[in-house]
Structures are given as structure tokens and as C-alpha cells.
PDB file of all heavy atoms in Angstrom:
ATOM      1  N   TYR A   1       6.980 -51.329  14.902  1.00  0.00           N
ATOM      2  CA  TYR A   1       7.015 -52.773  15.170  1.00  0.00           C
ATOM      3  C   TYR A   1       6.433 -53.119  16.539  1.00  0.00           C
ATOM      4  O   TYR A   1       5.844 -54.188  16.712  1.00  0.00           O
ATOM      5  CB  TYR A   1       8.445 -53.299  15.034  1.00  0.00           C
ATOM      6  CG  TYR A   1       8.840 -53.473  13.582  1.00  0.00           C
ATOM      7  CD1 TYR A   1       9.532 -52.479  12.911  1.00  0.00           C
ATOM      8  CD2 TYR A   1       8.480 -54.623  12.882  1.00  0.00           C
ATOM      9  CE1 TYR A   1       9.869 -52.615  11.567  1.00  0.00           C
ATOM     10  CE2 TYR A   1       8.811 -54.773  11.542  1.00  0.00           C
ATOM     11  CZ  TYR A   1       9.500 -53.771  10.890  1.00  0.00           C
ATOM     12  OH  TYR A   1       9.813 -53.917   9.555  1.00  0.00           O
ATOM     13  N   THR A   2       6.596 -52.230  17.523  1.00  0.00           N
ATOM     14  CA  THR A   2       5.959 -52.500  18.818  1.00  0.00           C
ATOM     15  C   THR A   2       4.439 -52.445  18.680  1.00  0.00           C
ATOM     16  O   THR A   2       3.717 -53.238  19.289  1.00  0.00           O
ATOM     17  CB  THR A   2       6.419 -51.494  19.891  1.00  0.00           C
ATOM     18  OG1 THR A   2       6.075 -50.162  19.498  1.00  0.00           O
ATOM     19  CG2 THR A   2       7.912 -51.585  20.120  1.00  0.00           C
ATOM     20  N   THR A   3       3.950 -51.513  17.855  1.00  0.00           N
ATOM     21  CA  THR A   3       2.510 -51.421  17.598  1.00  0.00           C
ATOM     22  C   THR A   3       2.009 -52.677  16.895  1.00  0.00           C
ATOM     23  O   THR A   3       0.948 -53.223  17.238  1.00  0.00           O
ATOM     24  CB  THR A   3       2.194 -50.179  16.738  1.00  0.00           C
ATOM     25  OG1 THR A   3       2.536 -49.006  17.480  1.00  0.00           O
ATOM     26  CG2 THR A   3       0.721 -50.110  16.372  1.00  0.00           C
ATOM     27  N   LEU A   4       2.777 -53.160  15.916  1.00  0.00           N
ATOM     28  CA  LEU A   4       2.428 -54.398  15.214  1.00  0.00           C
ATOM     29  C   LEU A   4       2.319 -55.567  16.183  1.00  0.00           C
ATOM     30  O   LEU A   4       1.328 -56.318  16.174  1.00  0.00           O
ATOM     31  CB  LEU A   4       3.497 -54.694  14.153  1.00  0.00           C
ATOM     32  CG  LEU A   4       3.417 -56.064  13.468  1.00  0.00           C
ATOM     33  CD1 LEU A   4       2.196 -56.138  12.558  1.00  0.00           C
ATOM     34  CD2 LEU A   4       4.692 -56.344  12.684  1.00  0.00           C
ATOM     35  N   VAL A   5       3.327 -55.721  17.038  1.00  0.00           N
ATOM     36  CA  VAL A   5       3.349 -56.825  18.009  1.00  0.00           C
ATOM     37  C   VAL A   5       2.151 -56.746  18.952  1.00  0.00           C
ATOM     38  O   VAL A   5       1.485 -57.759  19.222  1.00  0.00           O
ATOM     39  CB  VAL A   5       4.662 -56.805  18.818  1.00  0.00           C
ATOM     40  CG1 VAL A   5       4.583 -57.748  20.014  1.00  0.00           C
ATOM     41  CG2 VAL A   5       5.834 -57.189  17.928  1.00  0.00           C
ATOM     42  N   CYS A   6       1.842 -55.546  19.423  1.00  0.00           N
ATOM     43  CA  CYS A   6       0.765 -55.385  20.411  1.00  0.00           C
ATOM     44  C   CYS A   6      -0.611 -55.617  19.808  1.00  0.00           C
ATOM     45  O   CYS A   6      -1.478 -56.237  20.441  1.00  0.00           O
ATOM     46  CB  CYS A   6       0.854 -54.013  21.059  1.00  0.00           C
ATOM     47  SG  CYS A   6       2.323 -53.831  22.104  1.00  0.00           S
ATOM     48  N   TYR A   7      -0.839 -55.140  18.578  1.00  0.00           N
ATOM     49  CA  TYR A   7      -2.124 -55.406  17.924  1.00  0.00           C
ATOM     50  C   TYR A   7      -2.274 -56.893  17.614  1.00  0.00           C
ATOM     51  O   TYR A   7      -3.370 -57.458  17.735  1.00  0.00           O
ATOM     52  CB  TYR A   7      -2.257 -54.588  16.640  1.00  0.00           C
ATOM     53  CG  TYR A   7      -2.744 -53.174  16.855  1.00  0.00           C
ATOM     54  CD1 TYR A   7      -2.109 -52.094  16.237  1.00  0.00           C
ATOM     55  CD2 TYR A   7      -3.844 -52.907  17.668  1.00  0.00           C
ATOM     56  CE1 TYR A   7      -2.560 -50.791  16.440  1.00  0.00           C
ATOM     57  CE2 TYR A   7      -4.292 -51.621  17.873  1.00  0.00           C
ATOM     58  CZ  TYR A   7      -3.647 -50.562  17.252  1.00  0.00           C
ATOM     59  OH  TYR A   7      -4.084 -49.276  17.451  1.00  0.00           O
ATOM     60  N   ALA A   8      -1.173 -57.526  17.197  1.00  0.00           N
ATOM     61  CA  ALA A   8      -1.219 -58.965  16.914  1.00  0.00           C
ATOM     62  C   ALA A   8      -1.527 -59.751  18.181  1.00  0.00           C
ATOM     63  O   ALA A   8      -2.345 -60.676  18.175  1.00  0.00           O
ATOM     64  CB  ALA A   8       0.105 -59.419  16.306  1.00  0.00           C
ATOM     65  N   LEU A   9      -0.874 -59.364  19.281  1.00  0.00           N
ATOM     66  CA  LEU A   9      -1.117 -60.026  20.564  1.00  0.00           C
ATOM     67  C   LEU A   9      -2.564 -59.856  21.001  1.00  0.00           C
ATOM     68  O   LEU A   9      -3.215 -60.813  21.444  1.00  0.00           O
ATOM     69  CB  LEU A   9      -0.176 -59.451  21.623  1.00  0.00           C
ATOM     70  CG  LEU A   9      -0.376 -59.975  23.050  1.00  0.00           C
ATOM     71  CD1 LEU A   9      -0.053 -61.460  23.125  1.00  0.00           C
ATOM     72  CD2 LEU A   9       0.491 -59.192  24.040  1.00  0.00           C
ATOM     73  N   GLN A  10      -3.084 -58.645  20.867  1.00  0.00           N
ATOM     74  CA  GLN A  10      -4.463 -58.359  21.263  1.00  0.00           C
ATOM     75  C   GLN A  10      -5.444 -59.212  20.450  1.00  0.00           C
ATOM     76  O   GLN A  10      -6.389 -59.782  20.998  1.00  0.00           O
ATOM     77  CB  GLN A  10      -4.742 -56.880  21.037  1.00  0.00           C
ATOM     78  CG  GLN A  10      -6.011 -56.374  21.687  1.00  0.00           C
ATOM     79  CD  GLN A  10      -6.094 -54.856  21.640  1.00  0.00           C
ATOM     80  OE1 GLN A  10      -5.145 -54.184  21.235  1.00  0.00           O
ATOM     81  NE2 GLN A  10      -7.203 -54.303  22.060  1.00  0.00           N
ATOM     82  N   ALA A  11      -5.198 -59.316  19.136  1.00  0.00           N
ATOM     83  CA  ALA A  11      -6.071 -60.115  18.274  1.00  0.00           C
ATOM     84  C   ALA A  11      -5.985 -61.597  18.627  1.00  0.00           C
ATOM     85  O   ALA A  11      -7.004 -62.297  18.664  1.00  0.00           O
ATOM     86  CB  ALA A  11      -5.691 -59.894  16.807  1.00  0.00           C
ATOM     87  N   LEU A  12      -4.772 -62.074  18.938  1.00  0.00           N
ATOM     88  CA  LEU A  12      -4.596 -63.484  19.267  1.00  0.00           C
ATOM     89  C   LEU A  12      -5.267 -63.842  20.596  1.00  0.00           C
ATOM     90  O   LEU A  12      -5.868 -64.919  20.723  1.00  0.00           O
ATOM     91  CB  LEU A  12      -3.110 -63.824  19.334  1.00  0.00           C
ATOM     92  CG  LEU A  12      -2.385 -63.906  17.985  1.00  0.00           C
ATOM     93  CD1 LEU A  12      -0.882 -64.069  18.197  1.00  0.00           C
ATOM     94  CD2 LEU A  12      -2.932 -65.044  17.140  1.00  0.00           C
ATOM     95  N   VAL A  13      -5.179 -62.942  21.575  1.00  0.00           N
ATOM     96  CA  VAL A  13      -5.853 -63.181  22.862  1.00  0.00           C
ATOM     97  C   VAL A  13      -7.358 -63.297  22.640  1.00  0.00           C
ATOM     98  O   VAL A  13      -8.015 -64.218  23.158  1.00  0.00           O
ATOM     99  CB  VAL A  13      -5.540 -62.061  23.868  1.00  0.00           C
ATOM    100  CG1 VAL A  13      -6.450 -62.174  25.099  1.00  0.00           C
ATOM    101  CG2 VAL A  13      -4.077 -62.118  24.294  1.00  0.00           C
ATOM    102  N   ASP A  14      -7.926 -62.376  21.850  1.00  0.00           N
ATOM    103  CA  ASP A  14      -9.365 -62.419  21.567  1.00  0.00           C
ATOM    104  C   ASP A  14      -9.737 -63.689  20.812  1.00  0.00           C
ATOM    105  O   ASP A  14     -10.810 -64.268  21.037  1.00  0.00           O
ATOM    106  CB  ASP A  14      -9.781 -61.185  20.758  1.00  0.00           C
ATOM    107  CG  ASP A  14      -9.724 -59.907  21.584  1.00  0.00           C
ATOM    108  OD1 ASP A  14      -9.800 -60.012  22.813  1.00  0.00           O
ATOM    109  OD2 ASP A  14      -9.592 -58.819  20.998  1.00  0.00           O
ATOM    110  N   TYR A  15      -8.847 -64.135  19.924  1.00  0.00           N
ATOM    111  CA  TYR A  15      -9.091 -65.387  19.185  1.00  0.00           C
ATOM    112  C   TYR A  15      -9.163 -66.569  20.155  1.00  0.00           C
ATOM    113  O   TYR A  15     -10.076 -67.398  20.069  1.00  0.00           O
ATOM    114  CB  TYR A  15      -7.983 -65.619  18.160  1.00  0.00           C
ATOM    115  CG  TYR A  15      -7.930 -67.051  17.659  1.00  0.00           C
ATOM    116  CD1 TYR A  15      -8.842 -67.504  16.697  1.00  0.00           C
ATOM    117  CD2 TYR A  15      -6.990 -67.958  18.158  1.00  0.00           C
ATOM    118  CE1 TYR A  15      -8.807 -68.825  16.255  1.00  0.00           C
ATOM    119  CE2 TYR A  15      -6.952 -69.273  17.715  1.00  0.00           C
ATOM    120  CZ  TYR A  15      -7.860 -69.694  16.762  1.00  0.00           C
ATOM    121  OH  TYR A  15      -7.836 -70.999  16.324  1.00  0.00           O
ATOM    122  N   PHE A  16      -8.204 -66.644  21.072  1.00  0.00           N
ATOM    123  CA  PHE A  16      -8.176 -67.771  22.008  1.00  0.00           C
ATOM    124  C   PHE A  16      -9.369 -67.739  22.962  1.00  0.00           C
ATOM    125  O   PHE A  16      -9.877 -68.796  23.356  1.00  0.00           O
ATOM    126  CB  PHE A  16      -6.862 -67.785  22.785  1.00  0.00           C
ATOM    127  CG  PHE A  16      -5.706 -68.318  21.985  1.00  0.00           C
ATOM    128  CD1 PHE A  16      -4.661 -67.482  21.623  1.00  0.00           C
ATOM    129  CD2 PHE A  16      -5.682 -69.638  21.572  1.00  0.00           C
ATOM    130  CE1 PHE A  16      -3.602 -67.963  20.863  1.00  0.00           C
ATOM    131  CE2 PHE A  16      -4.632 -70.135  20.814  1.00  0.00           C
ATOM    132  CZ  PHE A  16      -3.575 -69.296  20.454  1.00  0.00           C
ATOM    133  N   VAL A  17      -9.824 -66.562  23.326  1.00  0.00           N
ATOM    134  CA  VAL A  17     -11.032 -66.464  24.158  1.00  0.00           C
ATOM    135  C   VAL A  17     -12.237 -66.997  23.392  1.00  0.00           C
ATOM    136  O   VAL A  17     -13.047 -67.770  23.927  1.00  0.00           O
ATOM    137  CB  VAL A  17     -11.277 -65.006  24.607  1.00  0.00           C
ATOM    138  CG1 VAL A  17     -12.634 -64.881  25.304  1.00  0.00           C
ATOM    139  CG2 VAL A  17     -10.174 -64.540  25.545  1.00  0.00           C
ATOM    140  N   ALA A  18     -12.364 -66.586  22.129  1.00  0.00           N
ATOM    141  CA  ALA A  18     -13.474 -67.066  21.299  1.00  0.00           C
ATOM    142  C   ALA A  18     -13.408 -68.580  21.138  1.00  0.00           C
ATOM    143  O   ALA A  18     -14.431 -69.279  21.198  1.00  0.00           O
ATOM    144  CB  ALA A  18     -13.440 -66.381  19.935  1.00  0.00           C
ATOM    145  N   GLU A  19     -12.191 -69.095  20.944  1.00  0.00           N
ATOM    146  CA  GLU A  19     -12.004 -70.515  20.653  1.00  0.00           C
ATOM    147  C   GLU A  19     -12.168 -71.394  21.883  1.00  0.00           C
ATOM    148  O   GLU A  19     -12.795 -72.455  21.826  1.00  0.00           O
ATOM    149  CB  GLU A  19     -10.610 -70.718  20.050  1.00  0.00           C
ATOM    150  CG  GLU A  19     -10.363 -72.085  19.442  1.00  0.00           C
ATOM    151  CD  GLU A  19     -11.003 -72.260  18.081  1.00  0.00           C
ATOM    152  OE1 GLU A  19     -11.347 -71.247  17.438  1.00  0.00           O
ATOM    153  OE2 GLU A  19     -11.176 -73.416  17.669  1.00  0.00           O
ATOM    154  N   TYR A  20     -11.614 -70.948  23.027  1.00  0.00           N
ATOM    155  CA  TYR A  20     -11.524 -71.839  24.189  1.00  0.00           C
ATOM    156  C   TYR A  20     -12.403 -71.437  25.372  1.00  0.00           C
ATOM    157  O   TYR A  20     -12.570 -72.226  26.300  1.00  0.00           O
ATOM    158  CB  TYR A  20     -10.065 -71.936  24.643  1.00  0.00           C
ATOM    159  CG  TYR A  20      -9.171 -72.530  23.580  1.00  0.00           C
ATOM    160  CD1 TYR A  20      -8.286 -71.731  22.857  1.00  0.00           C
ATOM    161  CD2 TYR A  20      -9.250 -73.886  23.258  1.00  0.00           C
ATOM    162  CE1 TYR A  20      -7.472 -72.268  21.860  1.00  0.00           C
ATOM    163  CE2 TYR A  20      -8.449 -74.435  22.263  1.00  0.00           C
ATOM    164  CZ  TYR A  20      -7.564 -73.619  21.563  1.00  0.00           C
ATOM    165  OH  TYR A  20      -6.776 -74.164  20.578  1.00  0.00           O
ATOM    166  N   VAL A  21     -12.956 -70.235  25.348  1.00  0.00           N
ATOM    167  CA  VAL A  21     -13.896 -69.828  26.402  1.00  0.00           C
ATOM    168  C   VAL A  21     -15.326 -69.900  25.887  1.00  0.00           C
ATOM    169  O   VAL A  21     -16.204 -70.498  26.529  1.00  0.00           O
ATOM    170  CB  VAL A  21     -13.576 -68.400  26.909  1.00  0.00           C
ATOM    171  CG1 VAL A  21     -14.615 -67.966  27.950  1.00  0.00           C
ATOM    172  CG2 VAL A  21     -12.167 -68.348  27.521  1.00  0.00           C
ATOM    173  N   ILE A  22     -15.547 -69.304  24.720  1.00  0.00           N
ATOM    174  CA  ILE A  22     -16.895 -69.326  24.128  1.00  0.00           C
ATOM    175  C   ILE A  22     -17.104 -70.576  23.274  1.00  0.00           C
ATOM    176  O   ILE A  22     -18.231 -71.008  23.047  1.00  0.00           O
ATOM    177  CB  ILE A  22     -17.121 -68.054  23.272  1.00  0.00           C
ATOM    178  CG1 ILE A  22     -16.899 -66.814  24.130  1.00  0.00           C
ATOM    179  CG2 ILE A  22     -18.528 -68.023  22.678  1.00  0.00           C
ATOM    180  CD1 ILE A  22     -16.971 -65.518  23.355  1.00  0.00           C
ATOM    181  N   HIS A  23     -15.997 -71.170  22.797  1.00  0.00           N
ATOM    182  CA  HIS A  23     -16.024 -72.365  21.948  1.00  0.00           C
ATOM    183  C   HIS A  23     -16.712 -72.111  20.610  1.00  0.00           C
ATOM    184  O   HIS A  23     -17.563 -72.881  20.170  1.00  0.00           O
ATOM    185  CB  HIS A  23     -16.697 -73.537  22.693  1.00  0.00           C
ATOM    186  CG  HIS A  23     -16.042 -73.875  23.993  1.00  0.00           C
ATOM    187  ND1 HIS A  23     -14.773 -74.429  24.084  1.00  0.00           N
ATOM    188  CD2 HIS A  23     -16.467 -73.692  25.269  1.00  0.00           C
ATOM    189  CE1 HIS A  23     -14.453 -74.597  25.352  1.00  0.00           C
ATOM    190  NE2 HIS A  23     -15.457 -74.158  26.094  1.00  0.00           N
ATOM    191  N   VAL A  24     -16.332 -71.022  19.982  1.00  0.00           N
ATOM    192  CA  VAL A  24     -16.852 -70.665  18.662  1.00  0.00           C
ATOM    193  C   VAL A  24     -15.674 -70.357  17.748  1.00  0.00           C
ATOM    194  O   VAL A  24     -14.790 -69.580  18.109  1.00  0.00           O
ATOM    195  CB  VAL A  24     -17.789 -69.436  18.724  1.00  0.00           C
ATOM    196  CG1 VAL A  24     -18.192 -69.000  17.319  1.00  0.00           C
ATOM    197  CG2 VAL A  24     -19.026 -69.765  19.548  1.00  0.00           C
ATOM    198  N   SER A  25     -15.642 -70.996  16.569  1.00  0.00           N
ATOM    199  CA  SER A  25     -14.551 -70.783  15.609  1.00  0.00           C
ATOM    200  C   SER A  25     -15.038 -69.906  14.466  1.00  0.00           C
ATOM    201  O   SER A  25     -15.755 -70.375  13.583  1.00  0.00           O
ATOM    202  CB  SER A  25     -14.049 -72.125  15.059  1.00  0.00           C
ATOM    203  OG  SER A  25     -13.457 -72.900  16.073  1.00  0.00           O
ATOM    204  N   ILE A  26     -14.646 -68.638  14.508  1.00  0.00           N
ATOM    205  CA  ILE A  26     -14.957 -67.734  13.399  1.00  0.00           C
ATOM    206  C   ILE A  26     -13.866 -67.835  12.339  1.00  0.00           C
ATOM    207  O   ILE A  26     -14.127 -67.842  11.142  1.00  0.00           O
ATOM    208  CB  ILE A  26     -15.088 -66.281  13.894  1.00  0.00           C
ATOM    209  CG1 ILE A  26     -16.194 -66.188  14.944  1.00  0.00           C
ATOM    210  CG2 ILE A  26     -15.368 -65.330  12.728  1.00  0.00           C
ATOM    211  CD1 ILE A  26     -17.556 -66.669  14.452  1.00  0.00           C
ATOM    212  N   ILE A  27     -12.624 -67.917  12.799  1.00  0.00           N
ATOM    213  CA  ILE A  27     -11.492 -68.170  11.916  1.00  0.00           C
ATOM    214  C   ILE A  27     -10.831 -69.456  12.389  1.00  0.00           C
ATOM    215  O   ILE A  27     -10.437 -69.575  13.556  1.00  0.00           O
ATOM    216  CB  ILE A  27     -10.479 -67.009  11.942  1.00  0.00           C
ATOM    217  CG1 ILE A  27     -11.138 -65.720  11.449  1.00  0.00           C
ATOM    218  CG2 ILE A  27      -9.260 -67.328  11.090  1.00  0.00           C
ATOM    219  CD1 ILE A  27     -10.235 -64.503  11.491  1.00  0.00           C
ATOM    220  N   LYS A  28     -10.713 -70.427  11.509  1.00  0.00           N
ATOM    221  CA  LYS A  28     -10.114 -71.710  11.868  1.00  0.00           C
ATOM    222  C   LYS A  28      -8.624 -71.527  12.145  1.00  0.00           C
ATOM    223  O   LYS A  28      -7.988 -70.588  11.673  1.00  0.00           O
ATOM    224  CB  LYS A  28     -10.308 -72.729  10.739  1.00  0.00           C
ATOM    225  CG  LYS A  28     -11.724 -72.815  10.197  1.00  0.00           C
ATOM    226  CD  LYS A  28     -12.737 -73.218  11.257  1.00  0.00           C
ATOM    227  CE  LYS A  28     -14.146 -73.322  10.663  1.00  0.00           C
ATOM    228  NZ  LYS A  28     -15.161 -73.551  11.704  1.00  0.00           N
ATOM    229  N   SER A  29      -8.064 -72.476  12.901  1.00  0.00           N
ATOM    230  CA  SER A  29      -6.658 -72.358  13.302  1.00  0.00           C
ATOM    231  C   SER A  29      -5.716 -72.329  12.098  1.00  0.00           C
ATOM    232  O   SER A  29      -4.751 -71.557  12.066  1.00  0.00           O
ATOM    233  CB  SER A  29      -6.278 -73.509  14.236  1.00  0.00           C
ATOM    234  OG  SER A  29      -6.524 -74.763  13.620  1.00  0.00           O
TER     235      SER A  29
END
């Protein structure tokens, strides 16, 4: 479960960077 949480967090951080730094939506909210 710690591995699950950490991979999910890592993916979410990358999503927010794509969405709010690069301003590109590959996966919609």
C-alpha cells in the first residue's frame, strides 16, 4: 500500500506539471 500511494502521488505530480506548467491536457480532469 505504501508503494501504491507513492506511485499514485508521483503520477499525480507529473499530471499537475503537465496541466499547470506546460498547459497540456493528455488526460482530462
